[in-house]
Amino acid sequence: MIRPILIYGNPKLRESSVVISQFGYMGLDILIADMFETIKNADGVGLAASQIGLNIRLIIVNIEEENFKKAFINPDITFKSDNLVSEIENCLSLPNLAGPVERPDKIEIVYANGNLKYQKESFEGLKARVIQHEIDHLDGVLWIDHLGENRKLINEPLEYIKNMNVKVNYPIL
């Protein structure tokens, strides 16, 4: 089922998400499938549960050109490389807006799989960037928060988004 995506201005996007307990989350498999269907419909590469209004630590990543599709439960970044790379980012919660964000090019994370078994894994390049972007969502952080003083340059487009004056090919709230 395709879920509506919260857009900038919705206060739920600024909330910190809670850890999924060892007892799991009722309907987690269905939720993960819905999230993958939602980003496919929206032509996205990642989605955090908070972007569909669920305050839980769950992200999904689907980078088709790298044949990479994975769900991460309770992800936590344990290492970030010192090498920072600036790339243009966009976000389904900030439609029609993109800008440069500097992030470490390599990370290591600890996360649980669908069986709530924890593991550690390293990522680099686009995978690392998307994972960091989605984990930011779990902490109520948007890519625009990384702009510093340059954020004032996008105040007008942000108002359009906040007032839902945007055209997208996916359902929004």
N, C-alpha and C. Protein backbone atom coordinates (compact mmCIF):
# COMPACT_ATOMS: atom_id res chain seq x y z
N MET A 1 0.84 -1.18 0.00
CA MET A 1 0.00 0.00 0.00
C MET A 1 0.89 1.25 0.00
N ILE A 2 0.61 2.15 -0.90
CA ILE A 2 1.35 3.40 -0.97
C ILE A 2 0.89 4.31 0.17
N ARG A 3 1.85 4.80 0.93
CA ARG A 3 1.55 5.68 2.07
C ARG A 3 1.80 7.14 1.68
N PRO A 4 0.98 8.06 2.21
CA PRO A 4 1.24 9.48 1.99
C PRO A 4 2.53 9.90 2.71
N ILE A 5 3.27 10.80 2.09
CA ILE A 5 4.53 11.28 2.65
C ILE A 5 4.31 12.66 3.27
N LEU A 6 4.78 12.82 4.50
CA LEU A 6 4.69 14.11 5.17
C LEU A 6 5.66 15.08 4.51
N ILE A 7 5.23 16.31 4.33
CA ILE A 7 6.12 17.29 3.74
C ILE A 7 6.46 18.38 4.75
N TYR A 8 7.51 19.13 4.41
CA TYR A 8 8.04 20.19 5.25
C TYR A 8 6.91 21.04 5.83
N GLY A 9 7.03 21.30 7.12
CA GLY A 9 6.00 22.05 7.83
C GLY A 9 5.21 21.16 8.77
N ASN A 10 5.17 19.87 8.48
CA ASN A 10 4.49 18.94 9.37
C ASN A 10 5.38 18.72 10.60
N PRO A 11 4.88 19.01 11.80
CA PRO A 11 5.72 18.91 13.00
C PRO A 11 6.25 17.50 13.29
N LYS A 12 5.59 16.48 12.77
CA LYS A 12 6.07 15.11 13.00
C LYS A 12 7.45 14.87 12.39
N LEU A 13 7.80 15.63 11.35
CA LEU A 13 9.12 15.48 10.73
C LEU A 13 10.25 15.93 11.65
N ARG A 14 9.93 16.69 12.68
CA ARG A 14 10.94 17.22 13.60
C ARG A 14 11.05 16.42 14.89
N GLU A 15 10.28 15.37 15.01
CA GLU A 15 10.32 14.55 16.22
C GLU A 15 11.43 13.50 16.12
N SER A 16 12.01 13.15 17.27
CA SER A 16 12.97 12.04 17.32
C SER A 16 12.18 10.74 17.41
N SER A 17 12.64 9.75 16.68
CA SER A 17 11.95 8.46 16.62
C SER A 17 12.40 7.55 17.76
N VAL A 18 11.53 6.63 18.14
CA VAL A 18 11.83 5.70 19.24
C VAL A 18 12.31 4.36 18.70
N VAL A 19 13.13 3.71 19.50
CA VAL A 19 13.70 2.41 19.15
C VAL A 19 12.59 1.36 19.11
N ILE A 20 12.67 0.48 18.13
CA ILE A 20 11.76 -0.67 18.06
C ILE A 20 12.29 -1.70 19.05
N SER A 21 11.45 -2.11 19.98
CA SER A 21 11.89 -2.99 21.06
C SER A 21 12.21 -4.40 20.57
N GLN A 22 12.81 -5.16 21.45
CA GLN A 22 13.16 -6.55 21.12
C GLN A 22 11.93 -7.39 20.83
N PHE A 23 10.77 -6.90 21.21
CA PHE A 23 9.53 -7.63 20.95
C PHE A 23 8.95 -7.29 19.58
N GLY A 24 9.62 -6.36 18.90
CA GLY A 24 9.22 -6.04 17.54
C GLY A 24 8.13 -5.00 17.43
N TYR A 25 7.57 -4.93 16.27
CA TYR A 25 6.53 -3.95 15.93
C TYR A 25 5.48 -4.69 15.12
N MET A 26 4.27 -4.69 15.59
CA MET A 26 3.19 -5.42 14.93
C MET A 26 3.06 -4.99 13.47
N GLY A 27 3.14 -5.94 12.56
CA GLY A 27 2.98 -5.64 11.15
C GLY A 27 4.23 -5.05 10.49
N LEU A 28 5.42 -5.30 11.09
CA LEU A 28 6.65 -4.72 10.57
C LEU A 28 6.92 -5.13 9.12
N ASP A 29 6.72 -6.39 8.79
CA ASP A 29 6.96 -6.86 7.42
C ASP A 29 6.06 -6.13 6.42
N ILE A 30 4.81 -5.94 6.79
CA ILE A 30 3.86 -5.23 5.91
C ILE A 30 4.28 -3.77 5.78
N LEU A 31 4.67 -3.16 6.90
CA LEU A 31 5.12 -1.76 6.87
C LEU A 31 6.32 -1.59 5.95
N ILE A 32 7.30 -2.47 6.06
CA ILE A 32 8.50 -2.38 5.22
C ILE A 32 8.11 -2.52 3.74
N ALA A 33 7.23 -3.47 3.43
CA ALA A 33 6.77 -3.64 2.04
C ALA A 33 6.06 -2.38 1.56
N ASP A 34 5.22 -1.79 2.42
CA ASP A 34 4.53 -0.54 2.06
C ASP A 34 5.52 0.59 1.79
N MET A 35 6.56 0.67 2.62
CA MET A 35 7.55 1.73 2.45
C MET A 35 8.30 1.57 1.12
N PHE A 36 8.66 0.33 0.76
CA PHE A 36 9.32 0.11 -0.53
C PHE A 36 8.39 0.47 -1.69
N GLU A 37 7.11 0.13 -1.56
CA GLU A 37 6.14 0.48 -2.61
C GLU A 37 5.98 2.00 -2.69
N THR A 38 6.00 2.67 -1.55
CA THR A 38 5.84 4.12 -1.50
C THR A 38 7.00 4.82 -2.21
N ILE A 39 8.25 4.40 -1.94
CA ILE A 39 9.36 5.10 -2.61
C ILE A 39 9.45 4.74 -4.08
N LYS A 40 9.03 3.54 -4.44
CA LYS A 40 9.01 3.19 -5.87
C LYS A 40 8.03 4.10 -6.60
N ASN A 41 6.85 4.29 -6.01
CA ASN A 41 5.83 5.16 -6.60
C ASN A 41 6.31 6.61 -6.69
N ALA A 42 7.08 7.05 -5.70
CA ALA A 42 7.54 8.44 -5.65
C ALA A 42 8.89 8.63 -6.35
N ASP A 43 9.45 7.56 -6.89
CA ASP A 43 10.74 7.61 -7.55
C ASP A 43 11.84 8.07 -6.61
N GLY A 44 11.81 7.53 -5.37
CA GLY A 44 12.81 7.88 -4.37
C GLY A 44 13.81 6.76 -4.18
N VAL A 45 14.85 7.03 -3.38
CA VAL A 45 15.86 6.02 -3.08
C VAL A 45 15.90 5.66 -1.60
N GLY A 46 15.20 6.41 -0.78
CA GLY A 46 15.19 6.12 0.65
C GLY A 46 13.97 6.73 1.31
N LEU A 47 13.63 6.16 2.47
CA LEU A 47 12.48 6.65 3.21
C LEU A 47 12.64 6.27 4.67
N ALA A 48 12.33 7.20 5.54
CA ALA A 48 12.30 6.94 6.99
C ALA A 48 10.84 6.81 7.41
N ALA A 49 10.60 5.95 8.40
CA ALA A 49 9.23 5.76 8.89
C ALA A 49 8.62 7.09 9.34
N SER A 50 9.45 7.99 9.86
CA SER A 50 8.94 9.29 10.31
C SER A 50 8.35 10.10 9.15
N GLN A 51 8.79 9.83 7.92
CA GLN A 51 8.26 10.56 6.77
C GLN A 51 6.85 10.11 6.39
N ILE A 52 6.42 8.98 6.95
CA ILE A 52 5.03 8.56 6.73
C ILE A 52 4.24 8.61 8.04
N GLY A 53 4.78 9.37 9.00
CA GLY A 53 4.06 9.65 10.24
C GLY A 53 4.23 8.63 11.34
N LEU A 54 5.18 7.70 11.20
CA LEU A 54 5.41 6.70 12.24
C LEU A 54 6.70 7.02 12.97
N ASN A 55 6.59 7.18 14.27
CA ASN A 55 7.69 7.63 15.10
C ASN A 55 8.56 6.45 15.58
N ILE A 56 9.04 5.64 14.63
CA ILE A 56 9.88 4.48 14.97
C ILE A 56 11.17 4.53 14.16
N ARG A 57 12.22 3.92 14.70
CA ARG A 57 13.54 3.95 14.05
C ARG A 57 13.64 2.87 12.98
N LEU A 58 13.12 3.21 11.82
CA LEU A 58 13.12 2.32 10.67
C LEU A 58 13.36 3.14 9.41
N ILE A 59 14.33 2.70 8.60
CA ILE A 59 14.57 3.33 7.30
C ILE A 59 14.67 2.23 6.25
N ILE A 60 14.38 2.61 5.03
CA ILE A 60 14.60 1.69 3.90
C ILE A 60 15.39 2.43 2.84
N VAL A 61 16.18 1.67 2.10
CA VAL A 61 16.99 2.23 1.02
C VAL A 61 16.82 1.32 -0.19
N ASN A 62 16.58 1.92 -1.35
CA ASN A 62 16.47 1.16 -2.59
C ASN A 62 17.15 1.95 -3.70
N ILE A 63 18.42 1.60 -3.95
CA ILE A 63 19.20 2.25 -5.00
C ILE A 63 19.27 1.27 -6.16
N GLU A 64 18.34 1.39 -7.08
CA GLU A 64 18.20 0.41 -8.16
C GLU A 64 19.45 0.28 -9.01
N GLU A 65 20.11 1.43 -9.33
CA GLU A 65 21.29 1.36 -10.19
C GLU A 65 22.47 0.63 -9.54
N GLU A 66 22.42 0.45 -8.21
CA GLU A 66 23.45 -0.31 -7.51
C GLU A 66 22.92 -1.66 -7.03
N ASN A 67 21.68 -1.99 -7.45
CA ASN A 67 21.04 -3.25 -7.05
C ASN A 67 21.09 -3.43 -5.54
N PHE A 68 20.72 -2.37 -4.82
CA PHE A 68 20.79 -2.36 -3.35
C PHE A 68 19.43 -2.03 -2.78
N LYS A 69 18.86 -2.96 -2.06
CA LYS A 69 17.53 -2.79 -1.45
C LYS A 69 17.58 -3.38 -0.05
N LYS A 70 17.36 -2.53 0.97
CA LYS A 70 17.53 -3.02 2.33
C LYS A 70 16.71 -2.18 3.32
N ALA A 71 16.23 -2.85 4.36
CA ALA A 71 15.57 -2.18 5.48
C ALA A 71 16.54 -2.20 6.67
N PHE A 72 16.56 -1.10 7.40
CA PHE A 72 17.42 -0.97 8.57
C PHE A 72 16.55 -0.61 9.78
N ILE A 73 16.56 -1.47 10.78
CA ILE A 73 15.78 -1.25 12.00
C ILE A 73 16.74 -0.76 13.08
N ASN A 74 16.37 0.32 13.75
CA ASN A 74 17.18 0.92 14.82
C ASN A 74 18.62 1.21 14.38
N PRO A 75 18.81 1.82 13.20
CA PRO A 75 20.18 2.08 12.75
C PRO A 75 20.87 3.13 13.60
N ASP A 76 22.15 2.91 13.82
CA ASP A 76 22.97 3.84 14.60
C ASP A 76 24.34 3.93 13.94
N ILE A 77 24.76 5.13 13.61
CA ILE A 77 26.07 5.32 12.99
C ILE A 77 27.13 5.23 14.09
N THR A 78 28.08 4.31 13.91
CA THR A 78 29.14 4.10 14.90
C THR A 78 30.48 4.65 14.43
N PHE A 79 30.60 4.95 13.14
CA PHE A 79 31.84 5.52 12.60
C PHE A 79 31.50 6.37 11.38
N LYS A 80 32.17 7.53 11.31
CA LYS A 80 32.09 8.40 10.13
C LYS A 80 33.51 8.75 9.72
N SER A 81 33.82 8.61 8.44
CA SER A 81 35.16 8.96 7.97
C SER A 81 35.36 10.48 8.06
N ASP A 82 36.60 10.87 8.08
CA ASP A 82 36.94 12.30 8.12
C ASP A 82 36.82 12.95 6.74
N ASN A 83 36.77 12.13 5.70
CA ASN A 83 36.69 12.65 4.34
C ASN A 83 35.25 13.06 4.03
N LEU A 84 35.03 14.37 3.93
CA LEU A 84 33.70 14.90 3.66
C LEU A 84 33.55 15.19 2.17
N VAL A 85 32.38 14.84 1.64
CA VAL A 85 32.08 15.06 0.23
C VAL A 85 30.77 15.84 0.13
N SER A 86 30.77 16.86 -0.70
CA SER A 86 29.55 17.64 -0.92
C SER A 86 28.86 17.14 -2.18
N GLU A 87 27.58 16.82 -2.04
CA GLU A 87 26.76 16.35 -3.16
C GLU A 87 25.40 17.02 -3.06
N ILE A 88 24.71 17.10 -4.17
CA ILE A 88 23.35 17.64 -4.19
C ILE A 88 22.41 16.58 -3.63
N GLU A 89 21.58 16.98 -2.68
CA GLU A 89 20.57 16.09 -2.11
C GLU A 89 19.20 16.69 -2.34
N ASN A 90 18.22 15.80 -2.37
CA ASN A 90 16.83 16.21 -2.38
C ASN A 90 16.08 15.27 -1.44
N CYS A 91 14.79 15.47 -1.31
CA CYS A 91 14.04 14.70 -0.32
C CYS A 91 12.57 14.70 -0.71
N LEU A 92 11.92 13.55 -0.52
CA LEU A 92 10.49 13.46 -0.81
C LEU A 92 9.67 14.37 0.10
N SER A 93 10.19 14.71 1.28
CA SER A 93 9.49 15.61 2.20
C SER A 93 9.75 17.08 1.90
N LEU A 94 10.66 17.34 0.97
CA LEU A 94 10.95 18.70 0.51
C LEU A 94 10.89 18.69 -1.02
N PRO A 95 9.69 18.47 -1.57
CA PRO A 95 9.57 18.29 -3.02
C PRO A 95 10.05 19.49 -3.82
N ASN A 96 10.67 19.16 -4.96
CA ASN A 96 11.12 20.17 -5.93
C ASN A 96 12.21 21.09 -5.39
N LEU A 97 12.96 20.62 -4.41
CA LEU A 97 14.02 21.42 -3.81
C LEU A 97 15.26 20.54 -3.67
N ALA A 98 16.41 21.08 -4.00
CA ALA A 98 17.66 20.33 -3.88
C ALA A 98 18.78 21.30 -3.53
N GLY A 99 19.80 20.77 -2.85
CA GLY A 99 20.93 21.61 -2.50
C GLY A 99 22.12 20.80 -2.04
N PRO A 100 23.28 21.45 -1.94
CA PRO A 100 24.50 20.74 -1.57
C PRO A 100 24.56 20.44 -0.07
N VAL A 101 24.93 19.19 0.23
CA VAL A 101 25.09 18.77 1.63
C VAL A 101 26.43 18.05 1.74
N GLU A 102 27.21 18.45 2.72
CA GLU A 102 28.50 17.81 2.96
C GLU A 102 28.32 16.69 3.98
N ARG A 103 28.78 15.49 3.61
CA ARG A 103 28.67 14.32 4.50
C ARG A 103 29.93 13.47 4.39
N PRO A 104 30.21 12.68 5.43
CA PRO A 104 31.31 11.71 5.34
C PRO A 104 31.04 10.72 4.21
N ASP A 105 32.11 10.34 3.49
CA ASP A 105 31.92 9.42 2.35
C ASP A 105 31.86 7.96 2.77
N LYS A 106 32.25 7.66 4.01
CA LYS A 106 32.20 6.28 4.51
C LYS A 106 31.64 6.29 5.93
N ILE A 107 30.79 5.31 6.20
CA ILE A 107 30.23 5.17 7.54
C ILE A 107 30.18 3.70 7.93
N GLU A 108 30.04 3.47 9.22
CA GLU A 108 29.76 2.13 9.73
C GLU A 108 28.53 2.26 10.61
N ILE A 109 27.60 1.33 10.46
CA ILE A 109 26.39 1.39 11.28
C ILE A 109 26.13 0.04 11.94
N VAL A 110 25.42 0.12 13.04
CA VAL A 110 24.86 -1.06 13.69
C VAL A 110 23.36 -0.95 13.50
N TYR A 111 22.73 -2.05 13.11
CA TYR A 111 21.29 -2.04 12.88
C TYR A 111 20.75 -3.45 13.06
N ALA A 112 19.44 -3.55 13.19
CA ALA A 112 18.79 -4.85 13.27
C ALA A 112 18.17 -5.18 11.93
N ASN A 113 18.17 -6.47 11.61
CA ASN A 113 17.49 -6.93 10.39
C ASN A 113 16.03 -7.21 10.72
N GLY A 114 15.30 -7.79 9.79
CA GLY A 114 13.87 -8.07 10.00
C GLY A 114 13.57 -9.02 11.14
N ASN A 115 14.57 -9.80 11.56
CA ASN A 115 14.40 -10.72 12.71
C ASN A 115 14.89 -10.09 14.01
N LEU A 116 15.18 -8.79 13.97
CA LEU A 116 15.70 -8.03 15.10
C LEU A 116 17.03 -8.59 15.62
N LYS A 117 17.83 -9.10 14.71
CA LYS A 117 19.21 -9.53 15.01
C LYS A 117 20.13 -8.40 14.59
N TYR A 118 20.96 -7.96 15.53
CA TYR A 118 21.84 -6.82 15.26
C TYR A 118 23.09 -7.25 14.50
N GLN A 119 23.53 -6.35 13.63
CA GLN A 119 24.74 -6.57 12.86
C GLN A 119 25.41 -5.24 12.60
N LYS A 120 26.68 -5.30 12.20
CA LYS A 120 27.47 -4.11 11.90
C LYS A 120 27.87 -4.20 10.43
N GLU A 121 27.79 -3.06 9.73
CA GLU A 121 28.13 -3.05 8.32
C GLU A 121 28.67 -1.68 7.93
N SER A 122 29.59 -1.67 6.97
CA SER A 122 30.17 -0.43 6.45
C SER A 122 29.59 -0.11 5.09
N PHE A 123 29.47 1.19 4.81
CA PHE A 123 28.95 1.67 3.54
C PHE A 123 29.76 2.86 3.08
N GLU A 124 29.78 3.08 1.78
CA GLU A 124 30.45 4.24 1.23
C GLU A 124 29.68 4.76 0.03
N GLY A 125 30.10 5.94 -0.42
CA GLY A 125 29.48 6.52 -1.61
C GLY A 125 28.00 6.83 -1.43
N LEU A 126 27.23 6.55 -2.48
CA LEU A 126 25.81 6.87 -2.47
C LEU A 126 25.06 6.14 -1.36
N LYS A 127 25.41 4.88 -1.11
CA LYS A 127 24.75 4.14 -0.04
C LYS A 127 24.94 4.86 1.30
N ALA A 128 26.18 5.27 1.59
CA ALA A 128 26.47 5.97 2.84
C ALA A 128 25.69 7.28 2.93
N ARG A 129 25.62 8.00 1.82
CA ARG A 129 24.90 9.28 1.80
C ARG A 129 23.42 9.09 2.08
N VAL A 130 22.79 8.15 1.39
CA VAL A 130 21.35 7.93 1.56
C VAL A 130 21.05 7.45 2.99
N ILE A 131 21.86 6.54 3.50
CA ILE A 131 21.65 6.04 4.87
C ILE A 131 21.76 7.19 5.88
N GLN A 132 22.77 8.05 5.73
CA GLN A 132 22.92 9.19 6.64
C GLN A 132 21.72 10.13 6.54
N HIS A 133 21.28 10.39 5.32
CA HIS A 133 20.12 11.27 5.09
C HIS A 133 18.89 10.71 5.81
N GLU A 134 18.66 9.41 5.66
CA GLU A 134 17.47 8.79 6.28
C GLU A 134 17.59 8.72 7.80
N ILE A 135 18.78 8.43 8.31
CA ILE A 135 18.97 8.42 9.77
C ILE A 135 18.74 9.81 10.34
N ASP A 136 19.15 10.84 9.61
CA ASP A 136 18.86 12.21 10.04
C ASP A 136 17.36 12.38 10.28
N HIS A 137 16.54 11.86 9.38
CA HIS A 137 15.08 11.96 9.55
C HIS A 137 14.64 11.37 10.89
N LEU A 138 15.25 10.27 11.29
CA LEU A 138 14.86 9.62 12.55
C LEU A 138 15.14 10.52 13.76
N ASP A 139 16.04 11.47 13.58
CA ASP A 139 16.39 12.40 14.65
C ASP A 139 15.77 13.78 14.44
N GLY A 140 14.82 13.88 13.52
CA GLY A 140 14.13 15.14 13.27
C GLY A 140 14.95 16.15 12.50
N VAL A 141 15.97 15.68 11.77
CA VAL A 141 16.86 16.57 11.01
C VAL A 141 16.57 16.40 9.52
N LEU A 142 16.50 17.53 8.81
CA LEU A 142 16.30 17.54 7.36
C LEU A 142 17.58 18.02 6.69
N TRP A 143 17.74 17.70 5.41
CA TRP A 143 18.98 18.10 4.73
C TRP A 143 19.18 19.60 4.75
N ILE A 144 18.11 20.36 4.77
CA ILE A 144 18.23 21.82 4.79
C ILE A 144 18.88 22.32 6.07
N ASP A 145 18.85 21.52 7.13
CA ASP A 145 19.47 21.92 8.39
C ASP A 145 20.99 21.90 8.30
N HIS A 146 21.53 21.28 7.27
CA HIS A 146 22.98 21.24 7.06
C HIS A 146 23.48 22.43 6.25
N LEU A 147 22.59 23.32 5.83
CA LEU A 147 22.98 24.43 4.95
C LEU A 147 23.59 25.61 5.68
N GLY A 148 23.40 25.72 6.97
CA GLY A 148 23.94 26.86 7.72
C GLY A 148 23.34 28.16 7.24
N GLU A 149 24.22 29.15 7.02
CA GLU A 149 23.78 30.48 6.58
C GLU A 149 23.07 30.45 5.23
N ASN A 150 23.38 29.48 4.39
CA ASN A 150 22.77 29.42 3.06
C ASN A 150 21.30 29.04 3.09
N ARG A 151 20.83 28.61 4.22
CA ARG A 151 19.42 28.21 4.31
C ARG A 151 18.49 29.38 4.00
N LYS A 152 18.90 30.58 4.34
CA LYS A 152 18.03 31.74 4.08
C LYS A 152 17.74 31.93 2.59
N LEU A 153 18.59 31.35 1.74
CA LEU A 153 18.39 31.46 0.30
C LEU A 153 17.19 30.66 -0.20
N ILE A 154 16.72 29.72 0.62
CA ILE A 154 15.59 28.89 0.18
C ILE A 154 14.33 29.13 0.99
N ASN A 155 14.28 30.23 1.73
CA ASN A 155 13.10 30.52 2.56
C ASN A 155 11.81 30.59 1.75
N GLU A 156 11.86 31.22 0.60
CA GLU A 156 10.63 31.35 -0.21
C GLU A 156 10.13 30.00 -0.71
N PRO A 157 10.99 29.15 -1.31
CA PRO A 157 10.49 27.82 -1.71
C PRO A 157 10.00 26.99 -0.52
N LEU A 158 10.62 27.18 0.64
CA LEU A 158 10.17 26.44 1.82
C LEU A 158 8.74 26.84 2.21
N GLU A 159 8.42 28.10 2.05
CA GLU A 159 7.05 28.55 2.36
C GLU A 159 6.04 27.92 1.41
N TYR A 160 6.40 27.81 0.13
CA TYR A 160 5.51 27.15 -0.82
C TYR A 160 5.26 25.70 -0.41
N ILE A 161 6.33 25.01 -0.04
CA ILE A 161 6.19 23.61 0.37
C ILE A 161 5.34 23.52 1.63
N LYS A 162 5.65 24.37 2.61
CA LYS A 162 4.91 24.36 3.88
C LYS A 162 3.42 24.58 3.67
N ASN A 163 3.07 25.39 2.67
CA ASN A 163 1.67 25.67 2.37
C ASN A 163 1.08 24.69 1.36
N MET A 164 1.86 23.63 1.07
CA MET A 164 1.45 22.55 0.17
C MET A 164 1.18 23.05 -1.25
N ASN A 165 1.88 24.11 -1.65
CA ASN A 165 1.79 24.63 -3.01
C ASN A 165 2.85 23.95 -3.88
N VAL A 166 2.76 22.63 -3.96
CA VAL A 166 3.73 21.85 -4.76
C VAL A 166 2.99 20.83 -5.60
N LYS A 167 3.61 20.48 -6.72
CA LYS A 167 3.04 19.43 -7.57
C LYS A 167 3.99 18.24 -7.51
N VAL A 168 3.44 17.11 -7.09
CA VAL A 168 4.23 15.88 -7.01
C VAL A 168 3.37 14.72 -7.54
N ASN A 169 4.03 13.62 -7.86
CA ASN A 169 3.31 12.45 -8.38
C ASN A 169 3.08 11.39 -7.31
N TYR A 170 3.06 11.82 -6.06
CA TYR A 170 2.82 10.91 -4.94
C TYR A 170 1.96 11.60 -3.88
N PRO A 171 1.24 10.81 -3.07
CA PRO A 171 0.36 11.43 -2.07
C PRO A 171 1.17 12.09 -0.94
N ILE A 172 0.74 13.27 -0.53
CA ILE A 172 1.43 14.01 0.55
C ILE A 172 0.44 14.42 1.62
N LEU A 173 0.99 14.67 2.78
CA LEU A 173 0.22 15.21 3.92
C LEU A 173 0.95 16.40 4.50
